[in-house]
Amino acid sequence: FNPDGSKWGTPVVRGRLPADVDLVIVKD
């Protein structure tokens, strides 16, 4: 959903889904 992958280094990363809502990924 975020091909650039620019913010992957942080423990909690955010992206955007096709439904126009935020995706909050908690890596660990």
PDB file of all heavy atoms in Angstrom:
ATOM      1  N   PHE A   1       0.812  -1.217   0.000  1.00  0.00           N
ATOM      2  CA  PHE A   1       0.000   0.000   0.000  1.00  0.00           C
ATOM      3  C   PHE A   1       0.850   1.275   0.000  1.00  0.00           C
ATOM      4  O   PHE A   1       0.336   2.366  -0.238  1.00  0.00           O
ATOM      5  CB  PHE A   1      -0.933   0.007   1.214  1.00  0.00           C
ATOM      6  CG  PHE A   1      -1.954  -1.091   1.190  1.00  0.00           C
ATOM      7  CD1 PHE A   1      -1.883  -2.149   2.082  1.00  0.00           C
ATOM      8  CD2 PHE A   1      -2.975  -1.094   0.251  1.00  0.00           C
ATOM      9  CE1 PHE A   1      -2.827  -3.172   2.048  1.00  0.00           C
ATOM     10  CE2 PHE A   1      -3.915  -2.113   0.203  1.00  0.00           C
ATOM     11  CZ  PHE A   1      -3.836  -3.156   1.103  1.00  0.00           C
ATOM     12  N   ASN A   2       2.146   1.138   0.281  1.00  0.00           N
ATOM     13  CA  ASN A   2       3.053   2.287   0.314  1.00  0.00           C
ATOM     14  C   ASN A   2       4.360   1.883  -0.365  1.00  0.00           C
ATOM     15  O   ASN A   2       5.350   1.573   0.317  1.00  0.00           O
ATOM     16  CB  ASN A   2       3.323   2.736   1.755  1.00  0.00           C
ATOM     17  CG  ASN A   2       2.042   3.061   2.499  1.00  0.00           C
ATOM     18  OD1 ASN A   2       1.567   4.181   2.484  1.00  0.00           O
ATOM     19  ND2 ASN A   2       1.489   2.051   3.161  1.00  0.00           N
ATOM     20  N   PRO A   3       4.393   1.843  -1.683  1.00  0.00           N
ATOM     21  CA  PRO A   3       5.543   1.323  -2.421  1.00  0.00           C
ATOM     22  C   PRO A   3       6.874   2.007  -2.103  1.00  0.00           C
ATOM     23  O   PRO A   3       7.933   1.388  -2.212  1.00  0.00           O
ATOM     24  CB  PRO A   3       5.155   1.550  -3.885  1.00  0.00           C
ATOM     25  CG  PRO A   3       3.659   1.624  -3.878  1.00  0.00           C
ATOM     26  CD  PRO A   3       3.303   2.263  -2.578  1.00  0.00           C
ATOM     27  N   ASP A   4       6.844   3.285  -1.696  1.00  0.00           N
ATOM     28  CA  ASP A   4       8.106   3.976  -1.419  1.00  0.00           C
ATOM     29  C   ASP A   4       8.768   3.460  -0.153  1.00  0.00           C
ATOM     30  O   ASP A   4       9.985   3.467  -0.024  1.00  0.00           O
ATOM     31  CB  ASP A   4       7.890   5.486  -1.313  1.00  0.00           C
ATOM     32  CG  ASP A   4       6.966   5.872  -0.165  1.00  0.00           C
ATOM     33  OD1 ASP A   4       6.181   5.018   0.283  1.00  0.00           O
ATOM     34  OD2 ASP A   4       7.040   7.035   0.268  1.00  0.00           O
ATOM     35  N   GLY A   5       7.959   2.956   0.811  1.00  0.00           N
ATOM     36  CA  GLY A   5       8.499   2.365   2.039  1.00  0.00           C
ATOM     37  C   GLY A   5       9.344   3.317   2.863  1.00  0.00           C
ATOM     38  O   GLY A   5      10.213   2.904   3.616  1.00  0.00           O
ATOM     39  N   SER A   6       9.076   4.615   2.777  1.00  0.00           N
ATOM     40  CA  SER A   6       9.954   5.615   3.377  1.00  0.00           C
ATOM     41  C   SER A   6       9.921   5.644   4.905  1.00  0.00           C
ATOM     42  O   SER A   6      10.866   6.086   5.535  1.00  0.00           O
ATOM     43  CB  SER A   6       9.590   7.004   2.838  1.00  0.00           C
ATOM     44  OG  SER A   6       8.219   7.280   3.082  1.00  0.00           O
ATOM     45  N   LYS A   7       8.845   5.179   5.510  1.00  0.00           N
ATOM     46  CA  LYS A   7       8.709   5.299   6.960  1.00  0.00           C
ATOM     47  C   LYS A   7       8.778   3.955   7.680  1.00  0.00           C
ATOM     48  O   LYS A   7       8.382   3.851   8.834  1.00  0.00           O
ATOM     49  CB  LYS A   7       7.387   5.989   7.309  1.00  0.00           C
ATOM     50  CG  LYS A   7       7.262   7.398   6.734  1.00  0.00           C
ATOM     51  CD  LYS A   7       5.923   8.002   7.084  1.00  0.00           C
ATOM     52  CE  LYS A   7       5.778   9.410   6.500  1.00  0.00           C
ATOM     53  NZ  LYS A   7       4.451   9.994   6.779  1.00  0.00           N
ATOM     54  N   TRP A   8       9.292   2.922   7.020  1.00  0.00           N
ATOM     55  CA  TRP A   8       9.234   1.582   7.611  1.00  0.00           C
ATOM     56  C   TRP A   8      10.113   1.435   8.849  1.00  0.00           C
ATOM     57  O   TRP A   8       9.889   0.589   9.686  1.00  0.00           O
ATOM     58  CB  TRP A   8       9.629   0.528   6.562  1.00  0.00           C
ATOM     59  CG  TRP A   8       9.608  -0.853   7.135  1.00  0.00           C
ATOM     60  CD1 TRP A   8      10.656  -1.686   7.335  1.00  0.00           C
ATOM     61  CD2 TRP A   8       8.465  -1.558   7.631  1.00  0.00           C
ATOM     62  NE1 TRP A   8      10.253  -2.859   7.906  1.00  0.00           N
ATOM     63  CE2 TRP A   8       8.893  -2.800   8.100  1.00  0.00           C
ATOM     64  CE3 TRP A   8       7.098  -1.243   7.723  1.00  0.00           C
ATOM     65  CZ2 TRP A   8       8.028  -3.746   8.649  1.00  0.00           C
ATOM     66  CZ3 TRP A   8       6.238  -2.177   8.272  1.00  0.00           C
ATOM     67  CH2 TRP A   8       6.707  -3.413   8.726  1.00  0.00           C
ATOM     68  N   GLY A   9      11.096   2.278   9.027  1.00  0.00           N
ATOM     69  CA  GLY A   9      12.042   2.094  10.121  1.00  0.00           C
ATOM     70  C   GLY A   9      11.474   2.297  11.517  1.00  0.00           C
ATOM     71  O   GLY A   9      12.061   1.842  12.491  1.00  0.00           O
ATOM     72  N   THR A  10      10.353   2.986  11.682  1.00  0.00           N
ATOM     73  CA  THR A  10       9.813   3.269  13.011  1.00  0.00           C
ATOM     74  C   THR A  10       9.000   2.086  13.536  1.00  0.00           C
ATOM     75  O   THR A  10       8.465   1.288  12.763  1.00  0.00           O
ATOM     76  CB  THR A  10       8.923   4.515  12.961  1.00  0.00           C
ATOM     77  OG1 THR A  10       7.891   4.305  11.983  1.00  0.00           O
ATOM     78  CG2 THR A  10       9.736   5.737  12.563  1.00  0.00           C
ATOM     79  N   PRO A  11       8.876   1.918  14.881  1.00  0.00           N
ATOM     80  CA  PRO A  11       8.136   0.783  15.461  1.00  0.00           C
ATOM     81  C   PRO A  11       6.665   0.754  15.052  1.00  0.00           C
ATOM     82  O   PRO A  11       6.080  -0.308  14.896  1.00  0.00           O
ATOM     83  CB  PRO A  11       8.281   0.980  16.971  1.00  0.00           C
ATOM     84  CG  PRO A  11       9.483   1.847  17.136  1.00  0.00           C
ATOM     85  CD  PRO A  11       9.520   2.731  15.935  1.00  0.00           C
ATOM     86  N   VAL A  12       6.062   1.935  14.924  1.00  0.00           N
ATOM     87  CA  VAL A  12       4.664   2.038  14.483  1.00  0.00           C
ATOM     88  C   VAL A  12       4.649   2.879  13.215  1.00  0.00           C
ATOM     89  O   VAL A  12       5.118   4.028  13.222  1.00  0.00           O
ATOM     90  CB  VAL A  12       3.777   2.687  15.564  1.00  0.00           C
ATOM     91  CG1 VAL A  12       2.342   2.790  15.073  1.00  0.00           C
ATOM     92  CG2 VAL A  12       3.842   1.887  16.864  1.00  0.00           C
ATOM     93  N   VAL A  13       4.159   2.305  12.124  1.00  0.00           N
ATOM     94  CA  VAL A  13       4.146   3.022  10.848  1.00  0.00           C
ATOM     95  C   VAL A  13       2.709   3.209  10.374  1.00  0.00           C
ATOM     96  O   VAL A  13       1.819   2.431  10.718  1.00  0.00           O
ATOM     97  CB  VAL A  13       4.965   2.281   9.767  1.00  0.00           C
ATOM     98  CG1 VAL A  13       6.420   2.245  10.125  1.00  0.00           C
ATOM     99  CG2 VAL A  13       4.438   0.873   9.555  1.00  0.00           C
ATOM    100  N   ARG A  14       2.501   4.236   9.590  1.00  0.00           N
ATOM    101  CA  ARG A  14       1.159   4.555   9.092  1.00  0.00           C
ATOM    102  C   ARG A  14       1.139   4.558   7.573  1.00  0.00           C
ATOM    103  O   ARG A  14       2.118   4.950   6.923  1.00  0.00           O
ATOM    104  CB  ARG A  14       0.685   5.910   9.620  1.00  0.00           C
ATOM    105  CG  ARG A  14       0.473   5.925  11.124  1.00  0.00           C
ATOM    106  CD  ARG A  14       0.103   7.314  11.622  1.00  0.00           C
ATOM    107  NE  ARG A  14      -0.083   7.312  13.067  1.00  0.00           N
ATOM    108  CZ  ARG A  14      -1.241   7.085  13.672  1.00  0.00           C
ATOM    109  NH1 ARG A  14      -2.341   6.859  12.940  1.00  0.00           N
ATOM    110  NH2 ARG A  14      -1.347   7.093  14.977  1.00  0.00           N
ATOM    111  N   GLY A  15       0.043   4.117   7.024  1.00  0.00           N
ATOM    112  CA  GLY A  15      -0.164   4.138   5.583  1.00  0.00           C
ATOM    113  C   GLY A  15      -1.602   4.517   5.290  1.00  0.00           C
ATOM    114  O   GLY A  15      -2.344   4.941   6.186  1.00  0.00           O
ATOM    115  N   ARG A  16      -2.004   4.354   4.061  1.00  0.00           N
ATOM    116  CA  ARG A  16      -3.365   4.708   3.647  1.00  0.00           C
ATOM    117  C   ARG A  16      -3.942   3.557   2.852  1.00  0.00           C
ATOM    118  O   ARG A  16      -3.279   2.990   1.985  1.00  0.00           O
ATOM    119  CB  ARG A  16      -3.334   5.975   2.793  1.00  0.00           C
ATOM    120  CG  ARG A  16      -4.669   6.667   2.639  1.00  0.00           C
ATOM    121  CD  ARG A  16      -5.086   7.351   3.909  1.00  0.00           C
ATOM    122  NE  ARG A  16      -6.349   8.077   3.745  1.00  0.00           N
ATOM    123  CZ  ARG A  16      -7.045   8.572   4.764  1.00  0.00           C
ATOM    124  NH1 ARG A  16      -6.612   8.415   6.002  1.00  0.00           N
ATOM    125  NH2 ARG A  16      -8.168   9.231   4.553  1.00  0.00           N
ATOM    126  N   LEU A  17      -5.186   3.186   3.150  1.00  0.00           N
ATOM    127  CA  LEU A  17      -5.850   2.087   2.477  1.00  0.00           C
ATOM    128  C   LEU A  17      -6.776   2.602   1.380  1.00  0.00           C
ATOM    129  O   LEU A  17      -7.195   3.765   1.403  1.00  0.00           O
ATOM    130  CB  LEU A  17      -6.651   1.257   3.491  1.00  0.00           C
ATOM    131  CG  LEU A  17      -5.839   0.517   4.557  1.00  0.00           C
ATOM    132  CD1 LEU A  17      -6.764  -0.199   5.531  1.00  0.00           C
ATOM    133  CD2 LEU A  17      -4.874  -0.468   3.913  1.00  0.00           C
ATOM    134  N   PRO A  18      -7.132   1.743   0.419  1.00  0.00           N
ATOM    135  CA  PRO A  18      -8.036   2.157  -0.661  1.00  0.00           C
ATOM    136  C   PRO A  18      -9.377   2.687  -0.169  1.00  0.00           C
ATOM    137  O   PRO A  18     -10.020   3.488  -0.856  1.00  0.00           O
ATOM    138  CB  PRO A  18      -8.218   0.862  -1.468  1.00  0.00           C
ATOM    139  CG  PRO A  18      -6.972   0.087  -1.226  1.00  0.00           C
ATOM    140  CD  PRO A  18      -6.589   0.389   0.190  1.00  0.00           C
ATOM    141  N   ALA A  19      -9.813   2.244   1.028  1.00  0.00           N
ATOM    142  CA  ALA A  19     -11.084   2.719   1.577  1.00  0.00           C
ATOM    143  C   ALA A  19     -10.969   4.122   2.164  1.00  0.00           C
ATOM    144  O   ALA A  19     -11.920   4.611   2.804  1.00  0.00           O
ATOM    145  CB  ALA A  19     -11.592   1.749   2.640  1.00  0.00           C
ATOM    146  N   ASP A  20      -9.813   4.757   1.966  1.00  0.00           N
ATOM    147  CA  ASP A  20      -9.576   6.123   2.438  1.00  0.00           C
ATOM    148  C   ASP A  20      -9.587   6.212   3.961  1.00  0.00           C
ATOM    149  O   ASP A  20     -10.144   7.154   4.544  1.00  0.00           O
ATOM    150  CB  ASP A  20     -10.596   7.099   1.836  1.00  0.00           C
ATOM    151  CG  ASP A  20     -10.090   8.544   1.897  1.00  0.00           C
ATOM    152  OD1 ASP A  20      -8.866   8.730   1.864  1.00  0.00           O
ATOM    153  OD2 ASP A  20     -10.928   9.455   1.995  1.00  0.00           O
ATOM    154  N   VAL A  21      -8.992   5.225   4.612  1.00  0.00           N
ATOM    155  CA  VAL A  21      -8.779   5.263   6.051  1.00  0.00           C
ATOM    156  C   VAL A  21      -7.297   4.997   6.319  1.00  0.00           C
ATOM    157  O   VAL A  21      -6.601   4.393   5.500  1.00  0.00           O
ATOM    158  CB  VAL A  21      -9.647   4.219   6.803  1.00  0.00           C
ATOM    159  CG1 VAL A  21     -11.109   4.536   6.670  1.00  0.00           C
ATOM    160  CG2 VAL A  21      -9.346   2.805   6.299  1.00  0.00           C
ATOM    161  N   ASP A  22      -6.831   5.442   7.467  1.00  0.00           N
ATOM    162  CA  ASP A  22      -5.436   5.224   7.841  1.00  0.00           C
ATOM    163  C   ASP A  22      -5.208   3.760   8.217  1.00  0.00           C
ATOM    164  O   ASP A  22      -6.056   3.113   8.842  1.00  0.00           O
ATOM    165  CB  ASP A  22      -5.056   6.101   9.032  1.00  0.00           C
ATOM    166  CG  ASP A  22      -4.895   7.561   8.636  1.00  0.00           C
ATOM    167  OD1 ASP A  22      -4.650   7.815   7.443  1.00  0.00           O
ATOM    168  OD2 ASP A  22      -5.013   8.431   9.521  1.00  0.00           O
ATOM    169  N   LEU A  23      -4.047   3.251   7.841  1.00  0.00           N
ATOM    170  CA  LEU A  23      -3.604   1.922   8.283  1.00  0.00           C
ATOM    171  C   LEU A  23      -2.477   2.137   9.282  1.00  0.00           C
ATOM    172  O   LEU A  23      -1.449   2.744   8.958  1.00  0.00           O
ATOM    173  CB  LEU A  23      -3.104   1.095   7.103  1.00  0.00           C
ATOM    174  CG  LEU A  23      -2.434  -0.251   7.452  1.00  0.00           C
ATOM    175  CD1 LEU A  23      -3.439  -1.196   8.110  1.00  0.00           C
ATOM    176  CD2 LEU A  23      -1.828  -0.894   6.214  1.00  0.00           C
ATOM    177  N   VAL A  24      -2.673   1.658  10.504  1.00  0.00           N
ATOM    178  CA  VAL A  24      -1.657   1.769  11.547  1.00  0.00           C
ATOM    179  C   VAL A  24      -1.045   0.385  11.753  1.00  0.00           C
ATOM    180  O   VAL A  24      -1.732  -0.543  12.186  1.00  0.00           O
ATOM    181  CB  VAL A  24      -2.254   2.286  12.875  1.00  0.00           C
ATOM    182  CG1 VAL A  24      -1.168   2.397  13.936  1.00  0.00           C
ATOM    183  CG2 VAL A  24      -2.939   3.634  12.660  1.00  0.00           C
ATOM    184  N   ILE A  25       0.237   0.253  11.412  1.00  0.00           N
ATOM    185  CA  ILE A  25       0.922  -1.040  11.543  1.00  0.00           C
ATOM    186  C   ILE A  25       1.838  -1.007  12.759  1.00  0.00           C
ATOM    187  O   ILE A  25       2.745  -0.175  12.851  1.00  0.00           O
ATOM    188  CB  ILE A  25       1.755  -1.364  10.285  1.00  0.00           C
ATOM    189  CG1 ILE A  25       0.865  -1.407   9.045  1.00  0.00           C
ATOM    190  CG2 ILE A  25       2.481  -2.693  10.452  1.00  0.00           C
ATOM    191  CD1 ILE A  25       1.625  -1.672   7.757  1.00  0.00           C
ATOM    192  N   VAL A  26       1.568  -1.896  13.698  1.00  0.00           N
ATOM    193  CA  VAL A  26       2.425  -2.070  14.869  1.00  0.00           C
ATOM    194  C   VAL A  26       3.323  -3.269  14.574  1.00  0.00           C
ATOM    195  O   VAL A  26       2.892  -4.411  14.644  1.00  0.00           O
ATOM    196  CB  VAL A  26       1.597  -2.309  16.143  1.00  0.00           C
ATOM    197  CG1 VAL A  26       2.509  -2.435  17.357  1.00  0.00           C
ATOM    198  CG2 VAL A  26       0.595  -1.178  16.345  1.00  0.00           C
ATOM    199  N   LYS A  27       4.584  -3.006  14.236  1.00  0.00           N
ATOM    200  CA  LYS A  27       5.479  -4.054  13.745  1.00  0.00           C
ATOM    201  C   LYS A  27       5.768  -5.117  14.798  1.00  0.00           C
ATOM    202  O   LYS A  27       5.907  -6.289  14.474  1.00  0.00           O
ATOM    203  CB  LYS A  27       6.795  -3.428  13.280  1.00  0.00           C
ATOM    204  CG  LYS A  27       6.653  -2.555  12.056  1.00  0.00           C
ATOM    205  CD  LYS A  27       7.803  -1.583  11.909  1.00  0.00           C
ATOM    206  CE  LYS A  27       9.162  -2.246  11.962  1.00  0.00           C
ATOM    207  NZ  LYS A  27      10.251  -1.253  11.744  1.00  0.00           N
ATOM    208  N   ASP A  28       5.901  -4.691  16.038  1.00  0.00           N
ATOM    209  CA  ASP A  28       6.170  -5.648  17.120  1.00  0.00           C
ATOM    210  C   ASP A  28       5.653  -5.071  18.427  1.00  0.00           C
ATOM    211  O   ASP A  28       6.347  -4.324  19.117  1.00  0.00           O
ATOM    212  CB  ASP A  28       7.667  -5.951  17.223  1.00  0.00           C
ATOM    213  CG  ASP A  28       7.950  -7.164  18.116  1.00  0.00           C
ATOM    214  OD1 ASP A  28       7.051  -7.543  18.904  1.00  0.00           O
ATOM    215  OD2 ASP A  28       9.049  -7.725  18.027  1.00  0.00           O
TER     216      ASP A  28
END
